[in-house]
Amino acid sequence: FKVMGMAPYGDAAKYDFSRLATFENGELIINTDYAN
């Protein structure tokens, strides 16, 4: 919830985090090269 509280101070468009996870064809896939 601290991350959530910090988020409004930043600009989400500055960094593209889409490489971390995708949701395609009904499946969520987390990129385990980076996280989890």
Full PDB file with SEQRES, HELIX, SHEET, SSBOND, CRYST1, ORIGX, SCALE, CONECT and MASTER records, all heavy atoms in Angstrom:
SEQRES   1 A   36  PHE LYS VAL MET GLY MET ALA PRO TYR GLY ASP ALA ALA          
SEQRES   2 A   36  LYS TYR ASP PHE SER ARG LEU ALA THR PHE GLU ASN GLY          
SEQRES   3 A   36  GLU LEU ILE ILE ASN THR ASP TYR ALA ASN                      
HELIX    1 AA1 LYS A    2  MET A    6  1                                   5    
HELIX    2 AA2 ALA A    7  TYR A    9  5                                   3    
HELIX    3 AA3 ALA A   12  LYS A   14  5                                   3    
HELIX    4 AA4 SER A   18  LEU A   20  5                                   3    
SHEET    1 AA1 2 ALA A  21  GLU A  24  0                                        
SHEET    2 AA1 2 GLU A  27  ILE A  30 -1                                        
CRYST1    1.000    1.000    1.000  90.00  90.00  90.00 P 1           1          
ORIGX1      1.000000  0.000000  0.000000        0.00000                         
ORIGX2      0.000000  1.000000  0.000000        0.00000                         
ORIGX3      0.000000  0.000000  1.000000        0.00000                         
SCALE1      1.000000  0.000000  0.000000        0.00000                         
SCALE2      0.000000  1.000000  0.000000        0.00000                         
SCALE3      0.000000  0.000000  1.000000        0.00000                         
ATOM      1  N   PHE A   1       0.826  -1.212   0.000  1.00  0.00           N  
ATOM      2  CA  PHE A   1       0.000   0.000   0.000  1.00  0.00           C  
ATOM      3  C   PHE A   1       0.861   1.263   0.000  1.00  0.00           C  
ATOM      4  O   PHE A   1       0.409   2.335  -0.381  1.00  0.00           O  
ATOM      5  CB  PHE A   1      -0.984  -0.003   1.173  1.00  0.00           C  
ATOM      6  CG  PHE A   1      -0.342   0.023   2.527  1.00  0.00           C  
ATOM      7  CD1 PHE A   1      -0.137   1.230   3.182  1.00  0.00           C  
ATOM      8  CD2 PHE A   1       0.065  -1.155   3.140  1.00  0.00           C  
ATOM      9  CE1 PHE A   1       0.460   1.264   4.427  1.00  0.00           C  
ATOM     10  CE2 PHE A   1       0.672  -1.127   4.389  1.00  0.00           C  
ATOM     11  CZ  PHE A   1       0.870   0.092   5.033  1.00  0.00           C  
ATOM     12  N   LYS A   2       2.141   1.129   0.393  1.00  0.00           N  
ATOM     13  CA  LYS A   2       3.046   2.283   0.306  1.00  0.00           C  
ATOM     14  C   LYS A   2       3.386   2.548  -1.169  1.00  0.00           C  
ATOM     15  O   LYS A   2       3.488   3.703  -1.594  1.00  0.00           O  
ATOM     16  CB  LYS A   2       4.330   2.020   1.098  1.00  0.00           C  
ATOM     17  CG  LYS A   2       4.086   1.816   2.586  1.00  0.00           C  
ATOM     18  CD  LYS A   2       5.391   1.540   3.319  1.00  0.00           C  
ATOM     19  CE  LYS A   2       5.120   1.160   4.769  1.00  0.00           C  
ATOM     20  NZ  LYS A   2       6.352   0.889   5.503  1.00  0.00           N  
ATOM     21  N   VAL A   3       3.561   1.475  -1.929  1.00  0.00           N  
ATOM     22  CA  VAL A   3       3.807   1.624  -3.379  1.00  0.00           C  
ATOM     23  C   VAL A   3       2.607   2.308  -4.024  1.00  0.00           C  
ATOM     24  O   VAL A   3       2.751   3.229  -4.833  1.00  0.00           O  
ATOM     25  CB  VAL A   3       4.070   0.237  -4.031  1.00  0.00           C  
ATOM     26  CG1 VAL A   3       4.204   0.363  -5.547  1.00  0.00           C  
ATOM     27  CG2 VAL A   3       5.319  -0.408  -3.430  1.00  0.00           C  
ATOM     28  N   MET A   4       1.406   1.865  -3.614  1.00  0.00           N  
ATOM     29  CA  MET A   4       0.175   2.462  -4.142  1.00  0.00           C  
ATOM     30  C   MET A   4       0.081   3.946  -3.762  1.00  0.00           C  
ATOM     31  O   MET A   4      -0.342   4.778  -4.567  1.00  0.00           O  
ATOM     32  CB  MET A   4      -1.011   1.691  -3.567  1.00  0.00           C  
ATOM     33  CG  MET A   4      -2.352   2.062  -4.096  1.00  0.00           C  
ATOM     34  SD  MET A   4      -3.620   0.982  -3.395  1.00  0.00           S  
ATOM     35  CE  MET A   4      -3.545   1.414  -1.659  1.00  0.00           C  
ATOM     36  N   GLY A   5       0.521   4.296  -2.554  1.00  0.00           N  
ATOM     37  CA  GLY A   5       0.505   5.688  -2.101  1.00  0.00           C  
ATOM     38  C   GLY A   5       1.550   6.543  -2.804  1.00  0.00           C  
ATOM     39  O   GLY A   5       1.380   7.755  -2.988  1.00  0.00           O  
ATOM     40  N   MET A   6       2.650   5.898  -3.234  1.00  0.00           N  
ATOM     41  CA  MET A   6       3.738   6.597  -3.923  1.00  0.00           C  
ATOM     42  C   MET A   6       3.380   6.850  -5.396  1.00  0.00           C  
ATOM     43  O   MET A   6       3.804   7.850  -5.984  1.00  0.00           O  
ATOM     44  CB  MET A   6       4.986   5.684  -3.872  1.00  0.00           C  
ATOM     45  CG  MET A   6       6.292   6.394  -4.083  1.00  0.00           C  
ATOM     46  SD  MET A   6       7.590   5.188  -4.520  1.00  0.00           S  
ATOM     47  CE  MET A   6       8.450   4.982  -3.021  1.00  0.00           C  
ATOM     48  N   ALA A   7       2.583   5.939  -5.972  1.00  0.00           N  
ATOM     49  CA  ALA A   7       2.316   5.960  -7.417  1.00  0.00           C  
ATOM     50  C   ALA A   7       1.798   7.302  -7.945  1.00  0.00           C  
ATOM     51  O   ALA A   7       2.246   7.748  -9.013  1.00  0.00           O  
ATOM     52  CB  ALA A   7       1.370   4.817  -7.786  1.00  0.00           C  
ATOM     53  N   PRO A   8       0.871   7.995  -7.247  1.00  0.00           N  
ATOM     54  CA  PRO A   8       0.357   9.253  -7.813  1.00  0.00           C  
ATOM     55  C   PRO A   8       1.414  10.351  -7.975  1.00  0.00           C  
ATOM     56  O   PRO A   8       1.190  11.316  -8.707  1.00  0.00           O  
ATOM     57  CB  PRO A   8      -0.710   9.695  -6.798  1.00  0.00           C  
ATOM     58  CG  PRO A   8      -1.087   8.458  -6.081  1.00  0.00           C  
ATOM     59  CD  PRO A   8       0.137   7.609  -6.044  1.00  0.00           C  
ATOM     60  N   TYR A   9       2.555  10.187  -7.314  1.00  0.00           N  
ATOM     61  CA  TYR A   9       3.614  11.197  -7.447  1.00  0.00           C  
ATOM     62  C   TYR A   9       4.444  10.982  -8.714  1.00  0.00           C  
ATOM     63  O   TYR A   9       5.243  11.824  -9.084  1.00  0.00           O  
ATOM     64  CB  TYR A   9       4.539  11.154  -6.214  1.00  0.00           C  
ATOM     65  CG  TYR A   9       3.868  11.626  -4.952  1.00  0.00           C  
ATOM     66  CD1 TYR A   9       3.146  10.749  -4.157  1.00  0.00           C  
ATOM     67  CD2 TYR A   9       3.946  12.962  -4.558  1.00  0.00           C  
ATOM     68  CE1 TYR A   9       2.513  11.185  -3.000  1.00  0.00           C  
ATOM     69  CE2 TYR A   9       3.315  13.407  -3.398  1.00  0.00           C  
ATOM     70  CZ  TYR A   9       2.603  12.513  -2.619  1.00  0.00           C  
ATOM     71  OH  TYR A   9       1.981  12.948  -1.477  1.00  0.00           O  
ATOM     72  N   GLY A  10       4.277   9.819  -9.341  1.00  0.00           N  
ATOM     73  CA  GLY A  10       5.083   9.498 -10.526  1.00  0.00           C  
ATOM     74  C   GLY A  10       4.282   9.546 -11.804  1.00  0.00           C  
ATOM     75  O   GLY A  10       3.070   9.745 -11.804  1.00  0.00           O  
ATOM     76  N   ASP A  11       4.970   9.303 -12.911  1.00  0.00           N  
ATOM     77  CA  ASP A  11       4.358   9.298 -14.243  1.00  0.00           C  
ATOM     78  C   ASP A  11       4.526   7.898 -14.830  1.00  0.00           C  
ATOM     79  O   ASP A  11       5.633   7.493 -15.201  1.00  0.00           O  
ATOM     80  CB  ASP A  11       5.052  10.359 -15.112  1.00  0.00           C  
ATOM     81  CG  ASP A  11       4.536  10.361 -16.550  1.00  0.00           C  
ATOM     82  OD1 ASP A  11       3.650   9.545 -16.872  1.00  0.00           O  
ATOM     83  OD2 ASP A  11       5.027  11.169 -17.351  1.00  0.00           O  
ATOM     84  N   ALA A  12       3.421   7.172 -14.902  1.00  0.00           N  
ATOM     85  CA  ALA A  12       3.468   5.777 -15.369  1.00  0.00           C  
ATOM     86  C   ALA A  12       3.981   5.660 -16.795  1.00  0.00           C  
ATOM     87  O   ALA A  12       4.549   4.637 -17.185  1.00  0.00           O  
ATOM     88  CB  ALA A  12       2.079   5.156 -15.266  1.00  0.00           C  
ATOM     89  N   ALA A  13       3.798   6.713 -17.590  1.00  0.00           N  
ATOM     90  CA  ALA A  13       4.191   6.659 -19.007  1.00  0.00           C  
ATOM     91  C   ALA A  13       5.709   6.710 -19.197  1.00  0.00           C  
ATOM     92  O   ALA A  13       6.213   6.427 -20.281  1.00  0.00           O  
ATOM     93  CB  ALA A  13       3.530   7.795 -19.768  1.00  0.00           C  
ATOM     94  N   LYS A  14       6.445   7.077 -18.151  1.00  0.00           N  
ATOM     95  CA  LYS A  14       7.904   7.211 -18.291  1.00  0.00           C  
ATOM     96  C   LYS A  14       8.611   5.870 -18.454  1.00  0.00           C  
ATOM     97  O   LYS A  14       9.695   5.803 -19.001  1.00  0.00           O  
ATOM     98  CB  LYS A  14       8.476   7.939 -17.064  1.00  0.00           C  
ATOM     99  CG  LYS A  14       8.320   9.446 -17.140  1.00  0.00           C  
ATOM    100  CD  LYS A  14       9.281  10.152 -16.208  1.00  0.00           C  
ATOM    101  CE  LYS A  14       9.344  11.626 -16.561  1.00  0.00           C  
ATOM    102  NZ  LYS A  14      10.317  12.348 -15.775  1.00  0.00           N  
ATOM    103  N   TYR A  15       8.023   4.812 -17.915  1.00  0.00           N  
ATOM    104  CA  TYR A  15       8.656   3.488 -18.005  1.00  0.00           C  
ATOM    105  C   TYR A  15       7.616   2.469 -18.431  1.00  0.00           C  
ATOM    106  O   TYR A  15       6.501   2.463 -17.924  1.00  0.00           O  
ATOM    107  CB  TYR A  15       9.268   3.077 -16.649  1.00  0.00           C  
ATOM    108  CG  TYR A  15      10.411   3.968 -16.248  1.00  0.00           C  
ATOM    109  CD1 TYR A  15      10.200   5.073 -15.428  1.00  0.00           C  
ATOM    110  CD2 TYR A  15      11.703   3.748 -16.725  1.00  0.00           C  
ATOM    111  CE1 TYR A  15      11.241   5.928 -15.081  1.00  0.00           C  
ATOM    112  CE2 TYR A  15      12.747   4.586 -16.386  1.00  0.00           C  
ATOM    113  CZ  TYR A  15      12.514   5.681 -15.562  1.00  0.00           C  
ATOM    114  OH  TYR A  15      13.548   6.513 -15.235  1.00  0.00           O  
ATOM    115  N   ASP A  16       8.005   1.614 -19.350  1.00  0.00           N  
ATOM    116  CA  ASP A  16       7.103   0.576 -19.845  1.00  0.00           C  
ATOM    117  C   ASP A  16       7.393  -0.715 -19.084  1.00  0.00           C  
ATOM    118  O   ASP A  16       8.450  -1.323 -19.254  1.00  0.00           O  
ATOM    119  CB  ASP A  16       7.340   0.386 -21.347  1.00  0.00           C  
ATOM    120  CG  ASP A  16       6.444  -0.692 -21.918  1.00  0.00           C  
ATOM    121  OD1 ASP A  16       5.585  -1.215 -21.173  1.00  0.00           O  
ATOM    122  OD2 ASP A  16       6.602  -1.027 -23.103  1.00  0.00           O  
ATOM    123  N   PHE A  17       6.470  -1.122 -18.223  1.00  0.00           N  
ATOM    124  CA  PHE A  17       6.665  -2.338 -17.412  1.00  0.00           C  
ATOM    125  C   PHE A  17       6.025  -3.576 -18.042  1.00  0.00           C  
ATOM    126  O   PHE A  17       5.946  -4.615 -17.414  1.00  0.00           O  
ATOM    127  CB  PHE A  17       6.079  -2.109 -16.003  1.00  0.00           C  
ATOM    128  CG  PHE A  17       7.069  -1.547 -15.016  1.00  0.00           C  
ATOM    129  CD1 PHE A  17       8.126  -0.764 -15.424  1.00  0.00           C  
ATOM    130  CD2 PHE A  17       6.948  -1.829 -13.656  1.00  0.00           C  
ATOM    131  CE1 PHE A  17       9.049  -0.253 -14.513  1.00  0.00           C  
ATOM    132  CE2 PHE A  17       7.870  -1.323 -12.729  1.00  0.00           C  
ATOM    133  CZ  PHE A  17       8.915  -0.531 -13.160  1.00  0.00           C  
ATOM    134  N   SER A  18       5.577  -3.431 -19.317  1.00  0.00           N  
ATOM    135  CA  SER A  18       4.808  -4.535 -19.911  1.00  0.00           C  
ATOM    136  C   SER A  18       5.617  -5.827 -20.049  1.00  0.00           C  
ATOM    137  O   SER A  18       5.041  -6.908 -20.139  1.00  0.00           O  
ATOM    138  CB  SER A  18       4.252  -4.118 -21.276  1.00  0.00           C  
ATOM    139  OG  SER A  18       5.326  -3.782 -22.136  1.00  0.00           O  
ATOM    140  N   ARG A  19       6.937  -5.728 -20.039  1.00  0.00           N  
ATOM    141  CA  ARG A  19       7.738  -6.966 -20.148  1.00  0.00           C  
ATOM    142  C   ARG A  19       7.593  -7.872 -18.910  1.00  0.00           C  
ATOM    143  O   ARG A  19       7.959  -9.046 -18.941  1.00  0.00           O  
ATOM    144  CB  ARG A  19       9.215  -6.628 -20.374  1.00  0.00           C  
ATOM    145  CG  ARG A  19       9.913  -6.022 -19.146  1.00  0.00           C  
ATOM    146  CD  ARG A  19      11.401  -5.843 -19.348  1.00  0.00           C  
ATOM    147  NE  ARG A  19      11.689  -4.683 -20.193  1.00  0.00           N  
ATOM    148  CZ  ARG A  19      12.921  -4.253 -20.451  1.00  0.00           C  
ATOM    149  NH1 ARG A  19      13.968  -4.891 -19.948  1.00  0.00           N  
ATOM    150  NH2 ARG A  19      13.116  -3.197 -21.200  1.00  0.00           N  
ATOM    151  N   LEU A  20       7.108  -7.299 -17.798  1.00  0.00           N  
ATOM    152  CA  LEU A  20       7.051  -8.070 -16.547  1.00  0.00           C  
ATOM    153  C   LEU A  20       5.920  -9.093 -16.527  1.00  0.00           C  
ATOM    154  O   LEU A  20       6.008 -10.094 -15.816  1.00  0.00           O  
ATOM    155  CB  LEU A  20       6.892  -7.133 -15.345  1.00  0.00           C  
ATOM    156  CG  LEU A  20       8.086  -6.222 -15.037  1.00  0.00           C  
ATOM    157  CD1 LEU A  20       7.761  -5.292 -13.895  1.00  0.00           C  
ATOM    158  CD2 LEU A  20       9.332  -7.056 -14.713  1.00  0.00           C  
ATOM    159  N   ALA A  21       4.844  -8.823 -17.271  1.00  0.00           N  
ATOM    160  CA  ALA A  21       3.705  -9.746 -17.233  1.00  0.00           C  
ATOM    161  C   ALA A  21       2.798  -9.511 -18.429  1.00  0.00           C  
ATOM    162  O   ALA A  21       2.670  -8.391 -18.906  1.00  0.00           O  
ATOM    163  CB  ALA A  21       2.904  -9.532 -15.950  1.00  0.00           C  
ATOM    164  N   THR A  22       2.156 -10.587 -18.878  1.00  0.00           N  
ATOM    165  CA  THR A  22       1.182 -10.467 -19.966  1.00  0.00           C  
ATOM    166  C   THR A  22      -0.068 -11.263 -19.621  1.00  0.00           C  
ATOM    167  O   THR A  22      -0.002 -12.255 -18.879  1.00  0.00           O  
ATOM    168  CB  THR A  22       1.736 -11.032 -21.299  1.00  0.00           C  
ATOM    169  OG1 THR A  22       2.169 -12.397 -21.063  1.00  0.00           O  
ATOM    170  CG2 THR A  22       2.887 -10.211 -21.816  1.00  0.00           C  
ATOM    171  N   PHE A  23      -1.189 -10.837 -20.170  1.00  0.00           N  
ATOM    172  CA  PHE A  23      -2.423 -11.618 -20.072  1.00  0.00           C  
ATOM    173  C   PHE A  23      -2.932 -11.817 -21.490  1.00  0.00           C  
ATOM    174  O   PHE A  23      -3.367 -10.876 -22.150  1.00  0.00           O  
ATOM    175  CB  PHE A  23      -3.462 -10.890 -19.215  1.00  0.00           C  
ATOM    176  CG  PHE A  23      -4.759 -11.647 -19.102  1.00  0.00           C  
ATOM    177  CD1 PHE A  23      -4.819 -12.839 -18.381  1.00  0.00           C  
ATOM    178  CD2 PHE A  23      -5.916 -11.192 -19.730  1.00  0.00           C  
ATOM    179  CE1 PHE A  23      -6.008 -13.563 -18.291  1.00  0.00           C  
ATOM    180  CE2 PHE A  23      -7.101 -11.905 -19.649  1.00  0.00           C  
ATOM    181  CZ  PHE A  23      -7.146 -13.091 -18.922  1.00  0.00           C  
ATOM    182  N   GLU A  24      -2.776 -13.062 -21.980  1.00  0.00           N  
ATOM    183  CA  GLU A  24      -3.167 -13.369 -23.358  1.00  0.00           C  
ATOM    184  C   GLU A  24      -3.898 -14.696 -23.412  1.00  0.00           C  
ATOM    185  O   GLU A  24      -3.506 -15.649 -22.733  1.00  0.00           O  
ATOM    186  CB  GLU A  24      -1.912 -13.458 -24.253  1.00  0.00           C  
ATOM    187  CG  GLU A  24      -1.338 -12.093 -24.621  1.00  0.00           C  
ATOM    188  CD  GLU A  24       0.055 -12.210 -25.237  1.00  0.00           C  
ATOM    189  OE1 GLU A  24       0.481 -13.338 -25.535  1.00  0.00           O  
ATOM    190  OE2 GLU A  24       0.709 -11.161 -25.400  1.00  0.00           O  
ATOM    191  N   ASN A  25      -4.944 -14.744 -24.220  1.00  0.00           N  
ATOM    192  CA  ASN A  25      -5.735 -15.973 -24.398  1.00  0.00           C  
ATOM    193  C   ASN A  25      -6.151 -16.587 -23.061  1.00  0.00           C  
ATOM    194  O   ASN A  25      -6.107 -17.809 -22.873  1.00  0.00           O  
ATOM    195  CB  ASN A  25      -4.954 -17.013 -25.218  1.00  0.00           C  
ATOM    196  CG  ASN A  25      -4.489 -16.432 -26.532  1.00  0.00           C  
ATOM    197  OD1 ASN A  25      -5.233 -15.685 -27.177  1.00  0.00           O  
ATOM    198  ND2 ASN A  25      -3.265 -16.733 -26.929  1.00  0.00           N  
ATOM    199  N   GLY A  26      -6.516 -15.709 -22.119  1.00  0.00           N  
ATOM    200  CA  GLY A  26      -7.026 -16.214 -20.842  1.00  0.00           C  
ATOM    201  C   GLY A  26      -5.972 -16.672 -19.863  1.00  0.00           C  
ATOM    202  O   GLY A  26      -6.303 -17.238 -18.814  1.00  0.00           O  
ATOM    203  N   GLU A  27      -4.703 -16.477 -20.184  1.00  0.00           N  
ATOM    204  CA  GLU A  27      -3.649 -16.921 -19.255  1.00  0.00           C  
ATOM    205  C   GLU A  27      -2.777 -15.740 -18.822  1.00  0.00           C  
ATOM    206  O   GLU A  27      -2.331 -14.951 -19.660  1.00  0.00           O  
ATOM    207  CB  GLU A  27      -2.748 -17.985 -19.918  1.00  0.00           C  
ATOM    208  CG  GLU A  27      -3.440 -19.317 -20.165  1.00  0.00           C  
ATOM    209  CD  GLU A  27      -3.925 -20.026 -18.903  1.00  0.00           C  
ATOM    210  OE1 GLU A  27      -3.281 -19.864 -17.837  1.00  0.00           O  
ATOM    211  OE2 GLU A  27      -4.956 -20.722 -18.969  1.00  0.00           O  
ATOM    212  N   LEU A  28      -2.527 -15.663 -17.539  1.00  0.00           N  
ATOM    213  CA  LEU A  28      -1.592 -14.676 -16.995  1.00  0.00           C  
ATOM    214  C   LEU A  28      -0.204 -15.309 -16.943  1.00  0.00           C  
ATOM    215  O   LEU A  28      -0.049 -16.416 -16.432  1.00  0.00           O  
ATOM    216  CB  LEU A  28      -2.020 -14.277 -15.573  1.00  0.00           C  
ATOM    217  CG  LEU A  28      -1.051 -13.360 -14.819  1.00  0.00           C  
ATOM    218  CD1 LEU A  28      -1.088 -11.937 -15.388  1.00  0.00           C  
ATOM    219  CD2 LEU A  28      -1.383 -13.326 -13.329  1.00  0.00           C  
ATOM    220  N   ILE A  29       0.788 -14.627 -17.515  1.00  0.00           N  
ATOM    221  CA  ILE A  29       2.155 -15.153 -17.460  1.00  0.00           C  
ATOM    222  C   ILE A  29       3.082 -14.076 -16.909  1.00  0.00           C  
ATOM    223  O   ILE A  29       3.187 -12.984 -17.465  1.00  0.00           O  
ATOM    224  CB  ILE A  29       2.647 -15.630 -18.843  1.00  0.00           C  
ATOM    225  CG1 ILE A  29       1.775 -16.795 -19.324  1.00  0.00           C  
ATOM    226  CG2 ILE A  29       4.112 -16.078 -18.772  1.00  0.00           C  
ATOM    227  CD1 ILE A  29       1.876 -17.100 -20.779  1.00  0.00           C  
ATOM    228  N   ILE A  30       3.710 -14.377 -15.783  1.00  0.00           N  
ATOM    229  CA  ILE A  30       4.687 -13.473 -15.180  1.00  0.00           C  
ATOM    230  C   ILE A  30       6.061 -13.823 -15.745  1.00  0.00           C  
ATOM    231  O   ILE A  30       6.398 -15.001 -15.877  1.00  0.00           O  
ATOM    232  CB  ILE A  30       4.706 -13.630 -13.635  1.00  0.00           C  
ATOM    233  CG1 ILE A  30       3.308 -13.384 -13.042  1.00  0.00           C  
ATOM    234  CG2 ILE A  30       5.749 -12.694 -13.004  1.00  0.00           C  
ATOM    235  CD1 ILE A  30       2.747 -12.001 -13.178  1.00  0.00           C  
ATOM    236  N   ASN A  31       6.841 -12.822 -16.084  1.00  0.00           N  
ATOM    237  CA  ASN A  31       8.179 -13.054 -16.629  1.00  0.00           C  
ATOM    238  C   ASN A  31       9.147 -13.367 -15.478  1.00  0.00           C  
ATOM    239  O   ASN A  31       9.629 -12.468 -14.798  1.00  0.00           O  
ATOM    240  CB  ASN A  31       8.631 -11.818 -17.402  1.00  0.00           C  
ATOM    241  CG  ASN A  31       9.937 -12.046 -18.127  1.00  0.00           C  
ATOM    242  OD1 ASN A  31      10.690 -12.962 -17.793  1.00  0.00           O  
ATOM    243  ND2 ASN A  31      10.217 -11.219 -19.115  1.00  0.00           N  
ATOM    244  N   THR A  32       9.419 -14.663 -15.309  1.00  0.00           N  
ATOM    245  CA  THR A  32      10.257 -15.086 -14.168  1.00  0.00           C  
ATOM    246  C   THR A  32      11.757 -14.892 -14.440  1.00  0.00           C  
ATOM    247  O   THR A  32      12.590 -15.371 -13.678  1.00  0.00           O  
ATOM    248  CB  THR A  32       9.967 -16.549 -13.772  1.00  0.00           C  
ATOM    249  OG1 THR A  32      10.099 -17.368 -14.934  1.00  0.00           O  
ATOM    250  CG2 THR A  32       8.582 -16.711 -13.186  1.00  0.00           C  
ATOM    251  N   ASP A  33      12.076 -14.180 -15.528  1.00  0.00           N  
ATOM    252  CA  ASP A  33      13.461 -13.701 -15.652  1.00  0.00           C  
ATOM    253  C   ASP A  33      13.677 -12.525 -14.685  1.00  0.00           C  
ATOM    254  O   ASP A  33      14.805 -12.233 -14.299  1.00  0.00           O  
ATOM    255  CB  ASP A  33      13.752 -13.200 -17.079  1.00  0.00           C  
ATOM    256  CG  ASP A  33      13.911 -14.353 -18.051  1.00  0.00           C  
ATOM    257  OD1 ASP A  33      14.105 -15.493 -17.580  1.00  0.00           O  
ATOM    258  OD2 ASP A  33      13.816 -14.109 -19.272  1.00  0.00           O  
ATOM    259  N   TYR A  34      12.566 -11.841 -14.340  1.00  0.00           N  
ATOM    260  CA  TYR A  34      12.664 -10.606 -13.545  1.00  0.00           C  
ATOM    261  C   TYR A  34      12.076 -10.732 -12.142  1.00  0.00           C  
ATOM    262  O   TYR A  34      12.605 -10.181 -11.196  1.00  0.00           O  
ATOM    263  CB  TYR A  34      11.931  -9.457 -14.255  1.00  0.00           C  
ATOM    264  CG  TYR A  34      12.572  -9.016 -15.538  1.00  0.00           C  
ATOM    265  CD1 TYR A  34      12.120  -9.482 -16.773  1.00  0.00           C  
ATOM    266  CD2 TYR A  34      13.638  -8.124 -15.526  1.00  0.00           C  
ATOM    267  CE1 TYR A  34      12.714  -9.073 -17.961  1.00  0.00           C  
ATOM    268  CE2 TYR A  34      14.237  -7.703 -16.703  1.00  0.00           C  
ATOM    269  CZ  TYR A  34      13.770  -8.179 -17.919  1.00  0.00           C  
ATOM    270  OH  TYR A  34      14.358  -7.769 -19.086  1.00  0.00           O  
ATOM    271  N   ALA A  35      10.921 -11.392 -12.019  1.00  0.00           N  
ATOM    272  CA  ALA A  35      10.192 -11.353 -10.747  1.00  0.00           C  
ATOM    273  C   ALA A  35       9.528 -12.699 -10.461  1.00  0.00           C  
ATOM    274  O   ALA A  35       9.442 -13.560 -11.333  1.00  0.00           O  
ATOM    275  CB  ALA A  35       9.143 -10.261 -10.785  1.00  0.00           C  
ATOM    276  N   ASN A  36       9.030 -12.831  -9.215  1.00  0.00           N  
ATOM    277  CA  ASN A  36       8.480 -14.099  -8.724  1.00  0.00           C  
ATOM    278  C   ASN A  36       9.506 -15.211  -8.885  1.00  0.00           C  
ATOM    279  O   ASN A  36       9.192 -16.312  -9.350  1.00  0.00           O  
ATOM    280  CB  ASN A  36       7.186 -14.488  -9.449  1.00  0.00           C  
ATOM    281  CG  ASN A  36       6.034 -13.605  -9.040  1.00  0.00           C  
ATOM    282  OD1 ASN A  36       6.248 -12.529  -8.492  1.00  0.00           O  
ATOM    283  ND2 ASN A  36       4.822 -14.021  -9.293  1.00  0.00           N  
TER     284      ASN A  36                                                      
MASTER        0    0    0    4    2    0    0    6  283    1    0    3          
END                                                                             
